[in-house]
Protein backbone atom coordinates (compact mmCIF):
# COMPACT_ATOMS: atom_id res chain seq x y z
CA UNK A 1 1.78 -31.72 2.01
CA UNK A 2 -1.71 -32.76 3.20
CA UNK A 3 -5.02 -30.96 1.85
CA UNK A 4 -5.44 -28.46 4.92
CA UNK A 5 -2.02 -27.50 4.73
CA UNK A 6 -1.95 -27.11 0.95
CA UNK A 7 -5.12 -25.06 1.41
CA UNK A 8 -3.40 -22.68 3.67
CA UNK A 9 -0.35 -22.38 1.69
CA UNK A 10 -2.24 -21.51 -1.49
CA UNK A 11 -4.36 -19.13 0.33
CA UNK A 12 -1.18 -17.30 2.00
CA UNK A 13 0.30 -17.23 -1.46
CA UNK A 14 -2.67 -15.39 -2.82
CA UNK A 15 -2.51 -13.07 -0.04
CA UNK A 16 1.25 -12.23 -0.74
CA UNK A 17 0.41 -11.56 -4.52
CA UNK A 18 -2.58 -9.35 -3.32
CA UNK A 19 -0.30 -7.46 -0.89
CA UNK A 20 2.48 -7.01 -3.64
CA UNK A 21 -0.37 -5.40 -5.81
CA UNK A 22 -1.30 -3.09 -2.83
CA UNK A 23 2.41 -1.92 -2.41
CA UNK A 24 2.69 -1.33 -6.33
CA UNK A 25 -0.63 0.69 -6.00
CA UNK A 26 0.84 2.75 -3.27
CA UNK A 27 3.83 3.63 -5.61
CA UNK A 28 2.14 4.75 -8.67
CA UNK A 29 -1.32 6.05 -9.67
CA UNK A 30 -0.69 5.51 -13.47
CA UNK A 31 -3.78 3.20 -14.35
CA UNK A 32 -2.43 1.38 -17.30
CA UNK A 33 0.88 0.68 -15.53
CA UNK A 34 -1.20 -0.79 -12.38
CA UNK A 35 -3.35 -3.18 -14.75
CA UNK A 36 -0.21 -4.22 -16.53
CA UNK A 37 1.48 -4.98 -13.40
CA UNK A 38 -1.38 -6.80 -11.73
CA UNK A 39 -1.94 -8.93 -14.87
CA UNK A 40 1.82 -9.80 -14.90
CA UNK A 41 1.92 -10.98 -11.28
CA UNK A 42 1.85 -14.74 -11.14
CA UNK A 43 3.42 -17.92 -9.93
CA UNK A 44 5.49 -20.35 -11.76
CA UNK A 45 5.35 -23.50 -10.06
CA UNK A 46 8.69 -25.49 -9.45
CA UNK A 47 9.74 -28.78 -7.44
CA UNK A 48 11.21 -27.19 -4.42
CA UNK A 49 10.18 -23.54 -4.94
CA UNK A 50 7.35 -21.46 -6.42
CA UNK A 51 8.78 -18.71 -8.41
CA UNK A 52 6.82 -15.29 -7.99
CA UNK A 53 6.91 -13.62 -11.38
CA UNK A 54 6.15 -10.06 -12.46
CA UNK A 55 5.73 -10.38 -16.12
CA UNK A 56 9.06 -12.02 -17.27
CA UNK A 57 11.22 -11.23 -14.30
CA UNK A 58 11.67 -13.25 -10.97
CA UNK A 59 10.42 -11.24 -8.01
CA UNK A 60 11.30 -14.22 -5.45
CA UNK A 61 10.95 -17.64 -4.50
CA UNK A 62 8.61 -19.45 -2.00
CA UNK A 63 9.76 -22.48 -0.30
CA UNK A 64 7.15 -25.47 -1.11
CA UNK A 65 8.95 -27.95 1.43
CA UNK A 66 11.45 -27.93 4.39
CA UNK A 67 15.00 -28.16 3.51
CA UNK A 68 18.59 -26.40 3.53
CA UNK A 69 19.74 -23.85 0.87
CA UNK A 70 23.48 -23.22 0.97
CA UNK A 71 23.85 -24.60 4.40
CA UNK A 72 20.82 -22.38 5.67
CA UNK A 73 17.78 -24.22 6.68
CA UNK A 74 14.38 -23.15 5.51
CA UNK A 75 10.61 -24.00 6.01
CA UNK A 76 7.51 -24.13 4.05
CA UNK A 77 6.24 -20.58 3.14
CA UNK A 78 9.75 -18.98 3.70
CA UNK A 79 10.37 -16.36 1.04
CA UNK A 80 13.74 -15.71 -0.82
CA UNK A 81 15.16 -13.05 -2.72
CA UNK A 82 16.09 -14.13 -6.33
CA UNK A 83 19.61 -14.55 -6.80
CA UNK A 84 19.15 -15.25 -10.62
CA UNK A 85 16.15 -16.01 -12.70
CA UNK A 86 16.43 -19.45 -11.71
CA UNK A 87 17.73 -19.79 -8.37
CA UNK A 88 16.89 -18.19 -4.83
CA UNK A 89 19.34 -16.22 -2.87
CA UNK A 90 20.82 -17.54 0.22
CA UNK A 91 18.92 -16.07 3.10
CA UNK A 92 15.09 -16.18 4.28
CA UNK A 93 13.68 -12.79 3.87
CA UNK A 94 10.05 -13.38 5.24
CA UNK A 95 7.19 -15.77 5.21
CA UNK A 96 3.98 -16.16 3.54
CA UNK A 97 2.51 -17.01 6.97
CA UNK A 98 3.33 -13.66 8.64
CA UNK A 99 0.79 -11.20 9.21
CA UNK A 100 3.66 -8.37 8.53
CA UNK A 101 4.29 -6.93 5.33
CA UNK A 102 7.31 -4.77 5.76
CA UNK A 103 9.62 -7.52 4.62
CA UNK A 104 9.07 -6.85 1.01
CA UNK A 105 8.18 -4.32 -1.75
CA UNK A 106 6.38 -4.51 -5.03
CA UNK A 107 10.27 -4.86 -6.36
CA UNK A 108 10.98 -8.03 -4.26
CA UNK A 109 11.78 -9.22 -0.96
CA UNK A 110 13.98 -6.69 1.07
CA UNK A 111 17.73 -6.85 1.42
CA UNK A 112 19.14 -7.91 4.64
CA UNK A 113 20.59 -5.14 7.05
């Protein structure tokens, strides 16, 4: 990934984290809980995917490269629901480069309909 694309990727990941916090803040007004959730939200880097963590739980995965997962193609910035703590689910749920925020909640990427 070149420097310009890396900066765009990092900025979009930060935007996703901030939007997850906004969604959580809509859900509760408990001040200590909001601080604890916001402090626990972070990225754990991996080789193919960055894992979005909420405390010690996997919120979802963000693709760092283009590729194929379980026969389904994906692209840089695509977001997957967590199938397990260590692995993403099969289908893409959204993209960090999208302006829309209706494809996820603070609890994770939405289920497919």
